[in-house]
PDB file of N, CA and C in Angstrom:
ATOM      1  N   GLN A   1      22.152   0.686   8.706  1.00  0.00           N
ATOM      2  CA  GLN A   1      22.203   1.140   7.000  1.00  0.00           C
ATOM      3  C   GLN A   1      20.889   1.966   6.975  1.00  0.00           C
ATOM      4  N   CYS A   2      21.052   2.988   5.971  1.00  0.00           N
ATOM      5  CA  CYS A   2      19.991   3.973   5.980  1.00  0.00           C
ATOM      6  C   CYS A   2      19.259   3.597   4.695  1.00  0.00           C
ATOM      7  N   GLY A   3      17.959   4.199   4.525  1.00  0.00           N
ATOM      8  CA  GLY A   3      17.205   3.962   3.301  1.00  0.00           C
ATOM      9  C   GLY A   3      16.231   2.728   3.586  1.00  0.00           C
ATOM     10  N   PHE A   4      15.341   2.412   2.665  1.00  0.00           N
ATOM     11  CA  PHE A   4      14.336   1.529   2.525  1.00  0.00           C
ATOM     12  C   PHE A   4      15.020   0.310   1.733  1.00  0.00           C
ATOM     13  N   GLN A   5      15.397  -0.520   2.508  1.00  0.00           N
ATOM     14  CA  GLN A   5      16.293  -1.786   1.939  1.00  0.00           C
ATOM     15  C   GLN A   5      15.330  -2.443   0.751  1.00  0.00           C
ATOM     16  N   ASP A   6      13.945  -2.679   1.108  1.00  0.00           N
ATOM     17  CA  ASP A   6      13.175  -3.467   0.179  1.00  0.00           C
ATOM     18  C   ASP A   6      13.052  -2.704  -0.991  1.00  0.00           C
ATOM     19  N   ASN A   7      13.074  -1.486  -1.090  1.00  0.00           N
ATOM     20  CA  ASN A   7      12.569  -0.780  -2.200  1.00  0.00           C
ATOM     21  C   ASN A   7      13.429  -1.051  -3.573  1.00  0.00           C
ATOM     22  N   GLN A   8      14.584  -1.316  -3.565  1.00  0.00           N
ATOM     23  CA  GLN A   8      15.182  -1.781  -4.899  1.00  0.00           C
ATOM     24  C   GLN A   8      14.705  -2.781  -5.547  1.00  0.00           C
ATOM     25  N   ALA A   9      13.985  -3.999  -4.837  1.00  0.00           N
ATOM     26  CA  ALA A   9      13.472  -4.977  -5.373  1.00  0.00           C
ATOM     27  C   ALA A   9      11.991  -4.656  -5.904  1.00  0.00           C
ATOM     28  N   LYS A  10      11.476  -3.665  -5.385  1.00  0.00           N
ATOM     29  CA  LYS A  10      10.134  -2.891  -6.038  1.00  0.00           C
ATOM     30  C   LYS A  10      10.338  -1.850  -7.172  1.00  0.00           C
ATOM     31  N   GLY A  11      11.648  -1.741  -7.454  1.00  0.00           N
ATOM     32  CA  GLY A  11      11.952  -0.678  -8.675  1.00  0.00           C
ATOM     33  C   GLY A  11      11.920   0.609  -8.069  1.00  0.00           C
ATOM     34  N   LEU A  12      11.980   0.923  -6.795  1.00  0.00           N
ATOM     35  CA  LEU A  12      12.156   1.988  -6.157  1.00  0.00           C
ATOM     36  C   LEU A  12      13.553   2.617  -5.659  1.00  0.00           C
ATOM     37  N   PRO A  13      13.649   3.810  -5.545  1.00  0.00           N
ATOM     38  CA  PRO A  13      14.833   4.315  -5.034  1.00  0.00           C
ATOM     39  C   PRO A  13      15.105   3.877  -3.411  1.00  0.00           C
ATOM     40  N   LEU A  14      16.282   3.469  -3.186  1.00  0.00           N
ATOM     41  CA  LEU A  14      16.702   3.208  -1.657  1.00  0.00           C
ATOM     42  C   LEU A  14      16.410   4.193  -0.968  1.00  0.00           C
ATOM     43  N   ILE A  15      16.791   5.552  -1.210  1.00  0.00           N
ATOM     44  CA  ILE A  15      16.691   6.783  -0.566  1.00  0.00           C
ATOM     45  C   ILE A  15      15.765   7.841  -1.294  1.00  0.00           C
ATOM     46  N   MET A  16      14.775   8.406  -0.472  1.00  0.00           N
ATOM     47  CA  MET A  16      14.082   9.185  -1.066  1.00  0.00           C
ATOM     48  C   MET A  16      14.028  10.568  -0.281  1.00  0.00           C
ATOM     49  N   GLY A  17      13.847  11.745  -1.204  1.00  0.00           N
ATOM     50  CA  GLY A  17      13.914  12.965  -0.332  1.00  0.00           C
ATOM     51  C   GLY A  17      13.165  14.139  -1.411  1.00  0.00           C
ATOM     52  N   LEU A  18      13.098  15.215  -0.744  1.00  0.00           N
ATOM     53  CA  LEU A  18      12.506  16.206  -1.590  1.00  0.00           C
ATOM     54  C   LEU A  18      13.402  17.473  -1.502  1.00  0.00           C
ATOM     55  N   VAL A  19      13.361  18.306  -2.472  1.00  0.00           N
ATOM     56  CA  VAL A  19      13.875  19.554  -2.544  1.00  0.00           C
ATOM     57  C   VAL A  19      12.816  20.664  -2.822  1.00  0.00           C
ATOM     58  N   ILE A  20      12.815  21.479  -1.767  1.00  0.00           N
ATOM     59  CA  ILE A  20      11.400  22.444  -1.854  1.00  0.00           C
ATOM     60  C   ILE A  20      12.115  23.735  -1.737  1.00  0.00           C
ATOM     61  N   LEU A  21      11.623  24.739  -2.746  1.00  0.00           N
ATOM     62  CA  LEU A  21      11.941  26.208  -2.980  1.00  0.00           C
ATOM     63  C   LEU A  21      10.942  26.984  -2.441  1.00  0.00           C
ATOM     64  N   TYR A  22      11.217  27.790  -1.558  1.00  0.00           N
ATOM     65  CA  TYR A  22      10.222  28.633  -1.030  1.00  0.00           C
ATOM     66  C   TYR A  22      10.420  30.228  -1.477  1.00  0.00           C
ATOM     67  N   ASP A  23       9.288  30.854  -1.441  1.00  0.00           N
ATOM     68  CA  ASP A  23       9.237  32.283  -1.741  1.00  0.00           C
ATOM     69  C   ASP A  23      10.167  33.020  -0.686  1.00  0.00           C
ATOM     70  N   PRO A  24      11.051  33.639  -1.060  1.00  0.00           N
ATOM     71  CA  PRO A  24      11.861  34.413  -0.201  1.00  0.00           C
ATOM     72  C   PRO A  24      10.952  35.563   0.632  1.00  0.00           C
ATOM     73  N   GLN A  25       9.789  36.001   0.025  1.00  0.00           N
ATOM     74  CA  GLN A  25       9.402  37.157   0.834  1.00  0.00           C
ATOM     75  C   GLN A  25       8.188  36.286   1.802  1.00  0.00           C
ATOM     76  N   THR A  26       7.567  35.498   1.328  1.00  0.00           N
ATOM     77  CA  THR A  26       6.396  34.948   2.210  1.00  0.00           C
ATOM     78  C   THR A  26       6.755  33.600   2.836  1.00  0.00           C
ATOM     79  N   GLY A  27       7.884  32.860   2.318  1.00  0.00           N
ATOM     80  CA  GLY A  27       7.836  31.618   2.903  1.00  0.00           C
ATOM     81  C   GLY A  27       7.167  30.323   2.413  1.00  0.00           C
ATOM     82  N   GLU A  28       6.304  30.748   1.461  1.00  0.00           N
ATOM     83  CA  GLU A  28       5.269  29.861   0.922  1.00  0.00           C
ATOM     84  C   GLU A  28       5.934  28.911  -0.196  1.00  0.00           C
ATOM     85  N   PRO A  29       5.788  27.556  -0.033  1.00  0.00           N
ATOM     86  CA  PRO A  29       6.523  26.652  -1.111  1.00  0.00           C
ATOM     87  C   PRO A  29       6.037  26.966  -2.645  1.00  0.00           C
ATOM     88  N   GLN A  30       6.965  27.077  -3.296  1.00  0.00           N
ATOM     89  CA  GLN A  30       6.697  27.452  -4.779  1.00  0.00           C
ATOM     90  C   GLN A  30       7.113  26.307  -5.755  1.00  0.00           C
ATOM     91  N   VAL A  31       7.838  25.515  -5.330  1.00  0.00           N
ATOM     92  CA  VAL A  31       8.194  24.031  -6.142  1.00  0.00           C
ATOM     93  C   VAL A  31       8.750  22.881  -5.178  1.00  0.00           C
ATOM     94  N   ILE A  32       8.071  21.864  -5.680  1.00  0.00           N
ATOM     95  CA  ILE A  32       8.710  20.892  -4.776  1.00  0.00           C
ATOM     96  C   ILE A  32       9.279  19.672  -5.826  1.00  0.00           C
ATOM     97  N   LEU A  33      10.313  19.359  -5.585  1.00  0.00           N
ATOM     98  CA  LEU A  33      11.064  18.421  -6.573  1.00  0.00           C
ATOM     99  C   LEU A  33      11.755  17.268  -6.181  1.00  0.00           C
ATOM    100  N   ASP A  34      11.504  16.079  -6.684  1.00  0.00           N
ATOM    101  CA  ASP A  34      12.265  14.904  -6.239  1.00  0.00           C
ATOM    102  C   ASP A  34      13.724  15.040  -6.194  1.00  0.00           C
ATOM    103  N   SER A  35      14.444  14.707  -5.193  1.00  0.00           N
ATOM    104  CA  SER A  35      15.702  14.891  -5.222  1.00  0.00           C
ATOM    105  C   SER A  35      16.390  14.032  -5.800  1.00  0.00           C
ATOM    106  N   ALA A  36      15.980  12.574  -6.260  1.00  0.00           N
ATOM    107  CA  ALA A  36      16.583  11.678  -7.190  1.00  0.00           C
ATOM    108  C   ALA A  36      16.798  12.421  -8.629  1.00  0.00           C
ATOM    109  N   THR A  37      15.703  13.007  -9.040  1.00  0.00           N
ATOM    110  CA  THR A  37      15.922  13.855 -10.047  1.00  0.00           C
ATOM    111  C   THR A  37      17.143  14.890 -10.239  1.00  0.00           C
ATOM    112  N   VAL A  38      16.769  15.653  -9.085  1.00  0.00           N
ATOM    113  CA  VAL A  38      17.696  16.627  -8.798  1.00  0.00           C
ATOM    114  C   VAL A  38      19.149  16.076  -8.937  1.00  0.00           C
ATOM    115  N   THR A  39      19.533  15.103  -8.266  1.00  0.00           N
ATOM    116  CA  THR A  39      20.812  14.396  -8.073  1.00  0.00           C
ATOM    117  C   THR A  39      21.239  13.976  -9.439  1.00  0.00           C
ATOM    118  N   ALA A  40      20.516  13.377 -10.379  1.00  0.00           N
ATOM    119  CA  ALA A  40      20.472  12.658 -11.583  1.00  0.00           C
ATOM    120  C   ALA A  40      21.143  13.873 -12.523  1.00  0.00           C
ATOM    121  N   ILE A  41      20.218  15.170 -12.632  1.00  0.00           N
ATOM    122  CA  ILE A  41      20.698  16.167 -13.376  1.00  0.00           C
ATOM    123  C   ILE A  41      22.175  16.825 -12.912  1.00  0.00           C
ATOM    124  N   ARG A  42      22.219  16.828 -11.658  1.00  0.00           N
ATOM    125  CA  ARG A  42      23.662  17.460 -11.028  1.00  0.00           C
ATOM    126  C   ARG A  42      24.701  16.357 -11.511  1.00  0.00           C
ATOM    127  N   THR A  43      24.387  15.132 -11.368  1.00  0.00           N
ATOM    128  CA  THR A  43      25.664  14.268 -11.595  1.00  0.00           C
ATOM    129  C   THR A  43      25.840  14.446 -13.265  1.00  0.00           C
ATOM    130  N   ALA A  44      24.982  14.395 -14.128  1.00  0.00           N
ATOM    131  CA  ALA A  44      25.111  14.368 -15.316  1.00  0.00           C
ATOM    132  C   ALA A  44      25.810  15.533 -15.828  1.00  0.00           C
ATOM    133  N   ALA A  45      25.555  16.755 -15.298  1.00  0.00           N
ATOM    134  CA  ALA A  45      26.215  17.954 -15.662  1.00  0.00           C
ATOM    135  C   ALA A  45      27.513  18.241 -14.945  1.00  0.00           C
ATOM    136  N   ALA A  46      27.773  17.518 -13.872  1.00  0.00           N
ATOM    137  CA  ALA A  46      29.239  17.519 -13.394  1.00  0.00           C
ATOM    138  C   ALA A  46      30.101  16.531 -14.101  1.00  0.00           C
ATOM    139  N   SER A  47      29.575  15.573 -14.719  1.00  0.00           N
ATOM    140  CA  SER A  47      30.404  14.590 -15.593  1.00  0.00           C
ATOM    141  C   SER A  47      30.553  15.137 -16.907  1.00  0.00           C
ATOM    142  N   ALA A  48      29.762  15.794 -17.472  1.00  0.00           N
ATOM    143  CA  ALA A  48      29.756  16.553 -18.757  1.00  0.00           C
ATOM    144  C   ALA A  48      30.937  17.573 -18.594  1.00  0.00           C
ATOM    145  N   MET A  49      30.835  18.549 -17.387  1.00  0.00           N
ATOM    146  CA  MET A  49      31.776  19.541 -17.283  1.00  0.00           C
ATOM    147  C   MET A  49      33.134  19.020 -17.133  1.00  0.00           C
ATOM    148  N   ALA A  50      33.159  18.086 -16.413  1.00  0.00           N
ATOM    149  CA  ALA A  50      34.626  17.458 -16.100  1.00  0.00           C
ATOM    150  C   ALA A  50      35.189  16.709 -17.455  1.00  0.00           C
ATOM    151  N   THR A  51      34.343  16.247 -18.117  1.00  0.00           N
ATOM    152  CA  THR A  51      34.831  15.436 -19.562  1.00  0.00           C
ATOM    153  C   THR A  51      35.199  16.496 -20.376  1.00  0.00           C
ATOM    154  N   LYS A  52      34.431  17.658 -20.596  1.00  0.00           N
ATOM    155  CA  LYS A  52      34.875  18.761 -21.275  1.00  0.00           C
ATOM    156  C   LYS A  52      36.095  19.421 -21.085  1.00  0.00           C
ATOM    157  N   HIS A  53      36.372  19.595 -19.799  1.00  0.00           N
ATOM    158  CA  HIS A  53      37.777  20.065 -19.318  1.00  0.00           C
ATOM    159  C   HIS A  53      38.807  19.139 -19.456  1.00  0.00           C
ATOM    160  N   ARG A  54      38.403  17.750 -19.395  1.00  0.00           N
ATOM    161  CA  ARG A  54      39.490  16.618 -19.544  1.00  0.00           C
ATOM    162  C   ARG A  54      39.788  16.710 -20.978  1.00  0.00           C
ATOM    163  N   ALA A  55      38.930  16.827 -21.983  1.00  0.00           N
ATOM    164  CA  ALA A  55      39.100  16.860 -23.351  1.00  0.00           C
ATOM    165  C   ALA A  55      39.863  18.284 -23.908  1.00  0.00           C
ATOM    166  N   ARG A  56      39.457  19.296 -23.327  1.00  0.00           N
ATOM    167  CA  ARG A  56      40.258  20.392 -23.391  1.00  0.00           C
ATOM    168  C   ARG A  56      41.754  20.381 -23.168  1.00  0.00           C
ATOM    169  N   ALA A  57      42.083  19.763 -21.930  1.00  0.00           N
ATOM    170  CA  ALA A  57      43.366  19.421 -21.497  1.00  0.00           C
ATOM    171  C   ALA A  57      44.300  18.490 -22.346  1.00  0.00           C
ATOM    172  N   GLY A  58      43.677  17.883 -23.283  1.00  0.00           N
ATOM    173  CA  GLY A  58      44.111  16.660 -23.978  1.00  0.00           C
ATOM    174  C   GLY A  58      44.152  15.504 -23.361  1.00  0.00           C
ATOM    175  N   LYS A  59      43.491  15.099 -22.203  1.00  0.00           N
ATOM    176  CA  LYS A  59      43.396  14.058 -21.463  1.00  0.00           C
ATOM    177  C   LYS A  59      42.680  12.908 -22.215  1.00  0.00           C
ATOM    178  N   GLU A  60      43.331  11.651 -22.203  1.00  0.00           N
ATOM    179  CA  GLU A  60      42.728  10.579 -22.867  1.00  0.00           C
ATOM    180  C   GLU A  60      41.814   9.841 -21.898  1.00  0.00           C
ATOM    181  N   GLY A  61      40.822   9.181 -21.963  1.00  0.00           N
ATOM    182  CA  GLY A  61      40.163   8.303 -20.945  1.00  0.00           C
ATOM    183  C   GLY A  61      39.053   8.902 -20.104  1.00  0.00           C
ATOM    184  N   ALA A  62      38.582   9.918 -20.747  1.00  0.00           N
ATOM    185  CA  ALA A  62      37.648  10.671 -19.763  1.00  0.00           C
ATOM    186  C   ALA A  62      36.308   9.700 -19.502  1.00  0.00           C
ATOM    187  N   ALA A  63      35.824   8.990 -20.596  1.00  0.00           N
ATOM    188  CA  ALA A  63      34.613   8.235 -20.327  1.00  0.00           C
ATOM    189  C   ALA A  63      34.765   7.323 -19.458  1.00  0.00           C
ATOM    190  N   GLU A  64      36.005   6.624 -19.293  1.00  0.00           N
ATOM    191  CA  GLU A  64      36.211   5.427 -18.257  1.00  0.00           C
ATOM    192  C   GLU A  64      36.205   6.330 -16.823  1.00  0.00           C
ATOM    193  N   ALA A  65      36.657   7.431 -16.848  1.00  0.00           N
ATOM    194  CA  ALA A  65      36.849   8.257 -15.414  1.00  0.00           C
ATOM    195  C   ALA A  65      35.349   8.692 -14.742  1.00  0.00           C
ATOM    196  N   PHE A  66      34.307   8.340 -15.510  1.00  0.00           N
ATOM    197  CA  PHE A  66      33.257   8.831 -14.934  1.00  0.00           C
ATOM    198  C   PHE A  66      32.080   7.550 -15.101  1.00  0.00           C
ATOM    199  N   PRO A  67      32.229   6.292 -14.545  1.00  0.00           N
ATOM    200  CA  PRO A  67      31.418   5.335 -14.702  1.00  0.00           C
ATOM    201  C   PRO A  67      30.364   5.499 -13.977  1.00  0.00           C
ATOM    202  N   SER A  68      28.874   5.232 -14.535  1.00  0.00           N
ATOM    203  CA  SER A  68      27.553   5.376 -13.895  1.00  0.00           C
ATOM    204  C   SER A  68      26.652   4.574 -14.172  1.00  0.00           C
ATOM    205  N   ARG A  69      25.571   4.602 -13.859  1.00  0.00           N
ATOM    206  CA  ARG A  69      24.226   3.974 -14.434  1.00  0.00           C
ATOM    207  C   ARG A  69      23.855   4.503 -15.441  1.00  0.00           C
ATOM    208  N   PRO A  70      23.017   4.212 -16.180  1.00  0.00           N
ATOM    209  CA  PRO A  70      22.429   4.975 -17.483  1.00  0.00           C
ATOM    210  C   PRO A  70      21.904   6.208 -16.911  1.00  0.00           C
ATOM    211  N   SER A  71      22.341   7.470 -17.636  1.00  0.00           N
ATOM    212  CA  SER A  71      21.875   8.624 -17.000  1.00  0.00           C
ATOM    213  C   SER A  71      20.439   8.700 -17.377  1.00  0.00           C
ATOM    214  N   LEU A  72      19.711   9.318 -16.271  1.00  0.00           N
ATOM    215  CA  LEU A  72      18.187   9.522 -16.390  1.00  0.00           C
ATOM    216  C   LEU A  72      17.996  10.921 -17.147  1.00  0.00           C
ATOM    217  N   VAL A  73      19.090  11.594 -17.258  1.00  0.00           N
ATOM    218  CA  VAL A  73      18.740  12.880 -17.909  1.00  0.00           C
ATOM    219  C   VAL A  73      18.921  12.592 -19.465  1.00  0.00           C
ATOM    220  N   HIS A  74      19.851  11.776 -19.897  1.00  0.00           N
ATOM    221  CA  HIS A  74      19.810  11.489 -21.303  1.00  0.00           C
ATOM    222  C   HIS A  74      18.970  10.724 -21.987  1.00  0.00           C
ATOM    223  N   ASN A  75      18.390  10.002 -21.494  1.00  0.00           N
ATOM    224  CA  ASN A  75      17.252   9.067 -21.895  1.00  0.00           C
ATOM    225  C   ASN A  75      15.738   9.680 -21.720  1.00  0.00           C
ATOM    226  N   GLY A  76      15.874  10.967 -21.379  1.00  0.00           N
ATOM    227  CA  GLY A  76      14.555  11.638 -21.052  1.00  0.00           C
ATOM    228  C   GLY A  76      13.795  11.099 -19.897  1.00  0.00           C
ATOM    229  N   ALA A  77      14.273  10.185 -19.012  1.00  0.00           N
ATOM    230  CA  ALA A  77      13.415   9.666 -17.905  1.00  0.00           C
ATOM    231  C   ALA A  77      13.268  10.878 -16.772  1.00  0.00           C
ATOM    232  N   ALA A  78      14.090  11.871 -16.782  1.00  0.00           N
ATOM    233  CA  ALA A  78      14.063  12.808 -15.727  1.00  0.00           C
ATOM    234  C   ALA A  78      12.688  13.795 -16.043  1.00  0.00           C
ATOM    235  N   GLU A  79      12.487  13.845 -17.383  1.00  0.00           N
ATOM    236  CA  GLU A  79      11.072  14.798 -17.791  1.00  0.00           C
ATOM    237  C   GLU A  79       9.881  14.099 -17.288  1.00  0.00           C
ATOM    238  N   ARG A  80       9.976  12.570 -17.496  1.00  0.00           N
ATOM    239  CA  ARG A  80       8.687  11.740 -17.049  1.00  0.00           C
ATOM    240  C   ARG A  80       8.720  11.531 -15.377  1.00  0.00           C
ATOM    241  N   GLY A  81       9.738  11.875 -14.790  1.00  0.00           N
ATOM    242  CA  GLY A  81       9.701  11.615 -13.387  1.00  0.00           C
ATOM    243  C   GLY A  81      10.023  10.058 -13.014  1.00  0.00           C
ATOM    244  N   ASP A  82      10.625   9.420 -13.872  1.00  0.00           N
ATOM    245  CA  ASP A  82      11.202   8.070 -13.707  1.00  0.00           C
ATOM    246  C   ASP A  82      12.264   8.028 -12.789  1.00  0.00           C
ATOM    247  N   GLN A  83      12.337   7.389 -11.575  1.00  0.00           N
ATOM    248  CA  GLN A  83      13.435   7.267 -10.813  1.00  0.00           C
ATOM    249  C   GLN A  83      14.231   6.013 -10.762  1.00  0.00           C
ATOM    250  N   ARG A  84      13.943   5.123 -11.579  1.00  0.00           N
ATOM    251  CA  ARG A  84      14.768   3.951 -11.467  1.00  0.00           C
ATOM    252  C   ARG A  84      16.010   3.903 -12.040  1.00  0.00           C
TER     253      ARG A  84
END
């Protein structure tokens, strides 16, 4: 198994990572982001787009198609850096 198995009991993510954006001219790091936050935003965006397209196509049950933990993005936790 990968990750830090004891972290969940501590309220920490199982797996941690960083996303680093570098200046293309100098290679100097410009932004360092927590990958859990990036993943939460990407997951929420993908779910929203899929739900929108299902609704446009007249599909029912869009909400049931995308079960997930409470979104970090929707409750403002992403802005606070909360990873729980």
